[in-house]
């Protein structure tokens, strides 16, 4: 997944604003995180997030994700 659609960006921004969880498929694993912000690092988009149970920081590179879905 190289880029997100406009609809996916809107859903991601809503999840960041509302503190909702997102599910990310990455290398045949599903990761559940709480996104904190969307950033640009070295010309790559990343989601800065926190693990919902431990609170540990997690960085997800959008171009490495297979799928991103907001959990309702």
PDB file of N, CA and C in Angstrom:
ATOM      1  N   UNK A   1       0.847  -1.172   0.000  1.00  0.00           N
ATOM      2  CA  UNK A   1       0.000   0.000   0.000  1.00  0.00           C
ATOM      3  C   UNK A   1       0.893   1.236   0.000  1.00  0.00           C
ATOM      4  N   UNK A   2       0.970   1.920  -1.097  1.00  0.00           N
ATOM      5  CA  UNK A   2       1.847   3.077  -1.197  1.00  0.00           C
ATOM      6  C   UNK A   2       1.200   4.349  -0.653  1.00  0.00           C
ATOM      7  N   UNK A   3      -0.080   4.538  -0.928  1.00  0.00           N
ATOM      8  CA  UNK A   3      -0.777   5.737  -0.474  1.00  0.00           C
ATOM      9  C   UNK A   3      -2.180   5.373  -0.017  1.00  0.00           C
ATOM     10  N   UNK A   4      -2.789   6.298   0.707  1.00  0.00           N
ATOM     11  CA  UNK A   4      -4.168   6.122   1.150  1.00  0.00           C
ATOM     12  C   UNK A   4      -5.083   6.938   0.253  1.00  0.00           C
ATOM     13  N   UNK A   5      -6.333   6.523   0.158  1.00  0.00           N
ATOM     14  CA  UNK A   5      -7.321   7.305  -0.577  1.00  0.00           C
ATOM     15  C   UNK A   5      -7.778   8.471   0.302  1.00  0.00           C
ATOM     16  N   UNK A   6      -8.466   9.397  -0.293  1.00  0.00           N
ATOM     17  CA  UNK A   6      -8.987  10.542   0.453  1.00  0.00           C
ATOM     18  C   UNK A   6      -9.913  10.070   1.565  1.00  0.00           C
ATOM     19  N   UNK A   7     -10.740   9.096   1.266  1.00  0.00           N
ATOM     20  CA  UNK A   7     -11.670   8.553   2.262  1.00  0.00           C
ATOM     21  C   UNK A   7     -10.907   7.908   3.428  1.00  0.00           C
ATOM     22  N   UNK A   8      -9.819   7.192   3.111  1.00  0.00           N
ATOM     23  CA  UNK A   8      -9.014   6.554   4.156  1.00  0.00           C
ATOM     24  C   UNK A   8      -8.293   7.598   5.011  1.00  0.00           C
ATOM     25  N   UNK A   9      -7.796   8.675   4.383  1.00  0.00           N
ATOM     26  CA  UNK A   9      -7.175   9.761   5.154  1.00  0.00           C
ATOM     27  C   UNK A   9      -8.190  10.408   6.090  1.00  0.00           C
ATOM     28  N   UNK A  10      -9.403  10.648   5.586  1.00  0.00           N
ATOM     29  CA  UNK A  10     -10.450  11.231   6.424  1.00  0.00           C
ATOM     30  C   UNK A  10     -10.757  10.339   7.618  1.00  0.00           C
ATOM     31  N   UNK A  11     -10.873   9.039   7.375  1.00  0.00           N
ATOM     32  CA  UNK A  11     -11.151   8.099   8.468  1.00  0.00           C
ATOM     33  C   UNK A  11      -9.999   8.070   9.469  1.00  0.00           C
ATOM     34  N   UNK A  12      -8.763   8.113   8.978  1.00  0.00           N
ATOM     35  CA  UNK A  12      -7.592   8.120   9.858  1.00  0.00           C
ATOM     36  C   UNK A  12      -7.552   9.403  10.680  1.00  0.00           C
ATOM     37  N   UNK A  13      -7.810  10.540  10.054  1.00  0.00           N
ATOM     38  CA  UNK A  13      -7.828  11.815  10.772  1.00  0.00           C
ATOM     39  C   UNK A  13      -8.930  11.843  11.827  1.00  0.00           C
ATOM     40  N   UNK A  14     -10.092  11.282  11.502  1.00  0.00           N
ATOM     41  CA  UNK A  14     -11.178  11.183  12.490  1.00  0.00           C
ATOM     42  C   UNK A  14     -10.765  10.312  13.667  1.00  0.00           C
ATOM     43  N   UNK A  15     -10.082   9.200  13.391  1.00  0.00           N
ATOM     44  CA  UNK A  15      -9.621   8.298  14.456  1.00  0.00           C
ATOM     45  C   UNK A  15      -8.609   9.003  15.353  1.00  0.00           C
ATOM     46  N   UNK A  16      -7.722   9.792  14.760  1.00  0.00           N
ATOM     47  CA  UNK A  16      -6.743  10.544  15.547  1.00  0.00           C
ATOM     48  C   UNK A  16      -7.461  11.555  16.435  1.00  0.00           C
ATOM     49  N   UNK A  17      -8.383  12.294  15.863  1.00  0.00           N
ATOM     50  CA  UNK A  17      -9.116  13.318  16.613  1.00  0.00           C
ATOM     51  C   UNK A  17      -9.957  12.719  17.737  1.00  0.00           C
ATOM     52  N   UNK A  18     -10.618  11.589  17.458  1.00  0.00           N
ATOM     53  CA  UNK A  18     -11.544  10.990  18.423  1.00  0.00           C
ATOM     54  C   UNK A  18     -10.889   9.968  19.341  1.00  0.00           C
ATOM     55  N   UNK A  19      -9.625   9.630  19.106  1.00  0.00           N
ATOM     56  CA  UNK A  19      -8.938   8.643  19.944  1.00  0.00           C
ATOM     57  C   UNK A  19      -9.410   7.220  19.729  1.00  0.00           C
ATOM     58  N   UNK A  20      -9.901   6.924  18.518  1.00  0.00           N
ATOM     59  CA  UNK A  20     -10.358   5.570  18.202  1.00  0.00           C
ATOM     60  C   UNK A  20      -9.211   4.702  17.732  1.00  0.00           C
ATOM     61  N   UNK A  21      -9.339   3.428  17.906  1.00  0.00           N
ATOM     62  CA  UNK A  21      -8.300   2.473  17.497  1.00  0.00           C
ATOM     63  C   UNK A  21      -8.330   2.241  15.998  1.00  0.00           C
ATOM     64  N   UNK A  22      -7.159   1.855  15.475  1.00  0.00           N
ATOM     65  CA  UNK A  22      -7.071   1.436  14.079  1.00  0.00           C
ATOM     66  C   UNK A  22      -6.391   0.072  14.036  1.00  0.00           C
ATOM     67  N   UNK A  23      -6.754  -0.696  13.035  1.00  0.00           N
ATOM     68  CA  UNK A  23      -6.142  -2.000  12.806  1.00  0.00           C
ATOM     69  C   UNK A  23      -5.273  -1.884  11.560  1.00  0.00           C
ATOM     70  N   UNK A  24      -4.033  -2.328  11.690  1.00  0.00           N
ATOM     71  CA  UNK A  24      -3.093  -2.248  10.586  1.00  0.00           C
ATOM     72  C   UNK A  24      -2.577  -3.639  10.273  1.00  0.00           C
ATOM     73  N   UNK A  25      -2.709  -4.052   9.023  1.00  0.00           N
ATOM     74  CA  UNK A  25      -2.127  -5.318   8.576  1.00  0.00           C
ATOM     75  C   UNK A  25      -0.740  -5.009   8.052  1.00  0.00           C
ATOM     76  N   UNK A  26       0.235  -5.708   8.623  1.00  0.00           N
ATOM     77  CA  UNK A  26       1.627  -5.452   8.268  1.00  0.00           C
ATOM     78  C   UNK A  26       2.398  -6.756   8.364  1.00  0.00           C
ATOM     79  N   UNK A  27       2.926  -7.211   7.236  1.00  0.00           N
ATOM     80  CA  UNK A  27       3.703  -8.452   7.191  1.00  0.00           C
ATOM     81  C   UNK A  27       2.936  -9.634   7.791  1.00  0.00           C
ATOM     82  N   UNK A  28       1.712  -9.807   7.377  1.00  0.00           N
ATOM     83  CA  UNK A  28       0.849 -10.915   7.794  1.00  0.00           C
ATOM     84  C   UNK A  28       0.512 -10.875   9.286  1.00  0.00           C
ATOM     85  N   UNK A  29       0.592  -9.700   9.904  1.00  0.00           N
ATOM     86  CA  UNK A  29       0.191  -9.519  11.296  1.00  0.00           C
ATOM     87  C   UNK A  29      -0.804  -8.381  11.357  1.00  0.00           C
ATOM     88  N   UNK A  30      -1.775  -8.505  12.241  1.00  0.00           N
ATOM     89  CA  UNK A  30      -2.691  -7.405  12.498  1.00  0.00           C
ATOM     90  C   UNK A  30      -2.269  -6.730  13.784  1.00  0.00           C
ATOM     91  N   UNK A  31      -2.081  -5.426  13.709  1.00  0.00           N
ATOM     92  CA  UNK A  31      -1.651  -4.640  14.852  1.00  0.00           C
ATOM     93  C   UNK A  31      -2.767  -3.663  15.188  1.00  0.00           C
ATOM     94  N   UNK A  32      -3.168  -3.597  16.451  1.00  0.00           N
ATOM     95  CA  UNK A  32      -4.182  -2.661  16.897  1.00  0.00           C
ATOM     96  C   UNK A  32      -3.471  -1.555  17.672  1.00  0.00           C
ATOM     97  N   UNK A  33      -3.673  -0.299  17.263  1.00  0.00           N
ATOM     98  CA  UNK A  33      -3.034   0.830  17.921  1.00  0.00           C
ATOM     99  C   UNK A  33      -4.017   1.997  18.035  1.00  0.00           C
ATOM    100  N   UNK A  34      -3.645   2.960  18.871  1.00  0.00           N
ATOM    101  CA  UNK A  34      -4.389   4.209  18.972  1.00  0.00           C
ATOM    102  C   UNK A  34      -3.516   5.275  18.306  1.00  0.00           C
ATOM    103  N   UNK A  35      -3.938   5.795  17.159  1.00  0.00           N
ATOM    104  CA  UNK A  35      -3.102   6.780  16.450  1.00  0.00           C
ATOM    105  C   UNK A  35      -3.082   8.110  17.190  1.00  0.00           C
ATOM    106  N   UNK A  36      -1.911   8.731  17.235  1.00  0.00           N
ATOM    107  CA  UNK A  36      -1.758  10.021  17.898  1.00  0.00           C
ATOM    108  C   UNK A  36      -1.626  11.154  16.874  1.00  0.00           C
ATOM    109  N   UNK A  37      -0.845  10.883  15.825  1.00  0.00           N
ATOM    110  CA  UNK A  37      -0.697  11.888  14.764  1.00  0.00           C
ATOM    111  C   UNK A  37      -0.099  11.269  13.509  1.00  0.00           C
ATOM    112  N   UNK A  38      -0.308  11.980  12.419  1.00  0.00           N
ATOM    113  CA  UNK A  38       0.209  11.591  11.119  1.00  0.00           C
ATOM    114  C   UNK A  38       1.379  12.521  10.824  1.00  0.00           C
ATOM    115  N   UNK A  39       2.544  11.962  10.508  1.00  0.00           N
ATOM    116  CA  UNK A  39       3.743  12.787  10.307  1.00  0.00           C
ATOM    117  C   UNK A  39       4.442  12.422   8.998  1.00  0.00           C
ATOM    118  N   UNK A  40       5.316  13.306   8.577  1.00  0.00           N
ATOM    119  CA  UNK A  40       6.151  13.084   7.408  1.00  0.00           C
ATOM    120  C   UNK A  40       7.595  13.058   7.886  1.00  0.00           C
ATOM    121  N   UNK A  41       8.270  11.927   7.675  1.00  0.00           N
ATOM    122  CA  UNK A  41       9.667  11.762   8.086  1.00  0.00           C
ATOM    123  C   UNK A  41      10.470  11.253   6.903  1.00  0.00           C
ATOM    124  N   UNK A  42      11.498  11.986   6.555  1.00  0.00           N
ATOM    125  CA  UNK A  42      12.358  11.600   5.427  1.00  0.00           C
ATOM    126  C   UNK A  42      11.544  11.286   4.170  1.00  0.00           C
ATOM    127  N   UNK A  43      10.567  12.125   3.893  1.00  0.00           N
ATOM    128  CA  UNK A  43       9.693  11.993   2.718  1.00  0.00           C
ATOM    129  C   UNK A  43       8.792  10.764   2.760  1.00  0.00           C
ATOM    130  N   UNK A  44       8.590  10.203   3.937  1.00  0.00           N
ATOM    131  CA  UNK A  44       7.691   9.056   4.103  1.00  0.00           C
ATOM    132  C   UNK A  44       6.648   9.403   5.153  1.00  0.00           C
ATOM    133  N   UNK A  45       5.406   8.981   4.899  1.00  0.00           N
ATOM    134  CA  UNK A  45       4.343   9.214   5.865  1.00  0.00           C
ATOM    135  C   UNK A  45       4.349   8.116   6.927  1.00  0.00           C
ATOM    136  N   UNK A  46       4.133   8.536   8.152  1.00  0.00           N
ATOM    137  CA  UNK A  46       4.101   7.587   9.261  1.00  0.00           C
ATOM    138  C   UNK A  46       2.972   7.962  10.207  1.00  0.00           C
ATOM    139  N   UNK A  47       2.469   6.950  10.891  1.00  0.00           N
ATOM    140  CA  UNK A  47       1.475   7.156  11.936  1.00  0.00           C
ATOM    141  C   UNK A  47       2.182   6.954  13.266  1.00  0.00           C
ATOM    142  N   UNK A  48       2.201   7.995  14.087  1.00  0.00           N
ATOM    143  CA  UNK A  48       2.707   7.846  15.445  1.00  0.00           C
ATOM    144  C   UNK A  48       1.526   7.403  16.293  1.00  0.00           C
ATOM    145  N   UNK A  49       1.700   6.303  16.998  1.00  0.00           N
ATOM    146  CA  UNK A  49       0.583   5.710  17.727  1.00  0.00           C
ATOM    147  C   UNK A  49       1.050   5.176  19.073  1.00  0.00           C
ATOM    148  N   UNK A  50       0.090   4.703  19.846  1.00  0.00           N
ATOM    149  CA  UNK A  50       0.362   4.065  21.131  1.00  0.00           C
ATOM    150  C   UNK A  50      -0.325   2.709  21.153  1.00  0.00           C
ATOM    151  N   UNK A  51       0.327   1.743  21.771  1.00  0.00           N
ATOM    152  CA  UNK A  51      -0.273   0.430  21.972  1.00  0.00           C
ATOM    153  C   UNK A  51      -1.410   0.613  22.985  1.00  0.00           C
ATOM    154  N   UNK A  52      -2.608   0.087  22.711  1.00  0.00           N
ATOM    155  CA  UNK A  52      -3.752   0.342  23.580  1.00  0.00           C
ATOM    156  C   UNK A  52      -3.636  -0.250  24.992  1.00  0.00           C
ATOM    157  N   UNK A  53      -2.859  -1.292  25.167  1.00  0.00           N
ATOM    158  CA  UNK A  53      -2.752  -1.925  26.479  1.00  0.00           C
ATOM    159  C   UNK A  53      -1.569  -1.402  27.280  1.00  0.00           C
ATOM    160  N   UNK A  54      -0.405  -1.339  26.633  1.00  0.00           N
ATOM    161  CA  UNK A  54       0.814  -0.952  27.352  1.00  0.00           C
ATOM    162  C   UNK A  54       1.115   0.540  27.284  1.00  0.00           C
ATOM    163  N   UNK A  55       0.587   1.220  26.275  1.00  0.00           N
ATOM    164  CA  UNK A  55       0.880   2.636  26.098  1.00  0.00           C
ATOM    165  C   UNK A  55       2.220   2.895  25.432  1.00  0.00           C
ATOM    166  N   UNK A  56       2.900   1.832  25.013  1.00  0.00           N
ATOM    167  CA  UNK A  56       4.198   1.986  24.351  1.00  0.00           C
ATOM    168  C   UNK A  56       4.023   2.703  23.016  1.00  0.00           C
ATOM    169  N   UNK A  57       4.984   3.575  22.660  1.00  0.00           N
ATOM    170  CA  UNK A  57       4.903   4.258  21.363  1.00  0.00           C
ATOM    171  C   UNK A  57       5.174   3.289  20.208  1.00  0.00           C
ATOM    172  N   UNK A  58       4.454   3.491  19.108  1.00  0.00           N
ATOM    173  CA  UNK A  58       4.594   2.656  17.914  1.00  0.00           C
ATOM    174  C   UNK A  58       4.618   3.592  16.709  1.00  0.00           C
ATOM    175  N   UNK A  59       5.505   3.316  15.774  1.00  0.00           N
ATOM    176  CA  UNK A  59       5.534   4.076  14.515  1.00  0.00           C
ATOM    177  C   UNK A  59       5.216   3.108  13.391  1.00  0.00           C
ATOM    178  N   UNK A  60       4.221   3.445  12.606  1.00  0.00           N
ATOM    179  CA  UNK A  60       3.803   2.634  11.467  1.00  0.00           C
ATOM    180  C   UNK A  60       4.055   3.436  10.196  1.00  0.00           C
ATOM    181  N   UNK A  61       4.864   2.896   9.319  1.00  0.00           N
ATOM    182  CA  UNK A  61       5.108   3.536   8.027  1.00  0.00           C
ATOM    183  C   UNK A  61       3.967   3.156   7.095  1.00  0.00           C
ATOM    184  N   UNK A  62       3.295   4.146   6.565  1.00  0.00           N
ATOM    185  CA  UNK A  62       2.122   3.897   5.726  1.00  0.00           C
ATOM    186  C   UNK A  62       2.481   3.084   4.489  1.00  0.00           C
ATOM    187  N   UNK A  63       3.628   3.343   3.896  1.00  0.00           N
ATOM    188  CA  UNK A  63       3.975   2.617   2.676  1.00  0.00           C
ATOM    189  C   UNK A  63       4.345   1.159   2.931  1.00  0.00           C
ATOM    190  N   UNK A  64       4.515   0.764   4.182  1.00  0.00           N
ATOM    191  CA  UNK A  64       4.801  -0.628   4.523  1.00  0.00           C
ATOM    192  C   UNK A  64       3.550  -1.390   4.979  1.00  0.00           C
ATOM    193  N   UNK A  65       2.465  -0.676   5.191  1.00  0.00           N
ATOM    194  CA  UNK A  65       1.234  -1.307   5.656  1.00  0.00           C
ATOM    195  C   UNK A  65       0.495  -1.949   4.491  1.00  0.00           C
ATOM    196  N   UNK A  66      -0.056  -3.127   4.732  1.00  0.00           N
ATOM    197  CA  UNK A  66      -0.863  -3.792   3.705  1.00  0.00           C
ATOM    198  C   UNK A  66      -2.283  -3.251   3.704  1.00  0.00           C
ATOM    199  N   UNK A  67      -2.822  -2.944   4.887  1.00  0.00           N
ATOM    200  CA  UNK A  67      -4.173  -2.392   4.995  1.00  0.00           C
ATOM    201  C   UNK A  67      -4.292  -1.632   6.309  1.00  0.00           C
ATOM    202  N   UNK A  68      -5.090  -0.563   6.278  1.00  0.00           N
ATOM    203  CA  UNK A  68      -5.360   0.228   7.469  1.00  0.00           C
ATOM    204  C   UNK A  68      -6.861   0.395   7.572  1.00  0.00           C
ATOM    205  N   UNK A  69      -7.413   0.083   8.740  1.00  0.00           N
ATOM    206  CA  UNK A  69      -8.857   0.159   8.940  1.00  0.00           C
ATOM    207  C   UNK A  69      -9.167   0.733  10.309  1.00  0.00           C
ATOM    208  N   UNK A  70     -10.089   1.687  10.361  1.00  0.00           N
ATOM    209  CA  UNK A  70     -10.520   2.264  11.627  1.00  0.00           C
ATOM    210  C   UNK A  70     -11.519   1.327  12.264  1.00  0.00           C
ATOM    211  N   UNK A  71     -11.311   1.039  13.548  1.00  0.00           N
ATOM    212  CA  UNK A  71     -12.207   0.162  14.292  1.00  0.00           C
ATOM    213  C   UNK A  71     -13.338   1.019  14.851  1.00  0.00           C
ATOM    214  N   UNK A  72     -14.546   0.655  14.549  1.00  0.00           N
ATOM    215  CA  UNK A  72     -15.710   1.453  14.988  1.00  0.00           C
ATOM    216  C   UNK A  72     -16.270   0.922  16.272  1.00  0.00           C
TER     217      UNK A  72
END
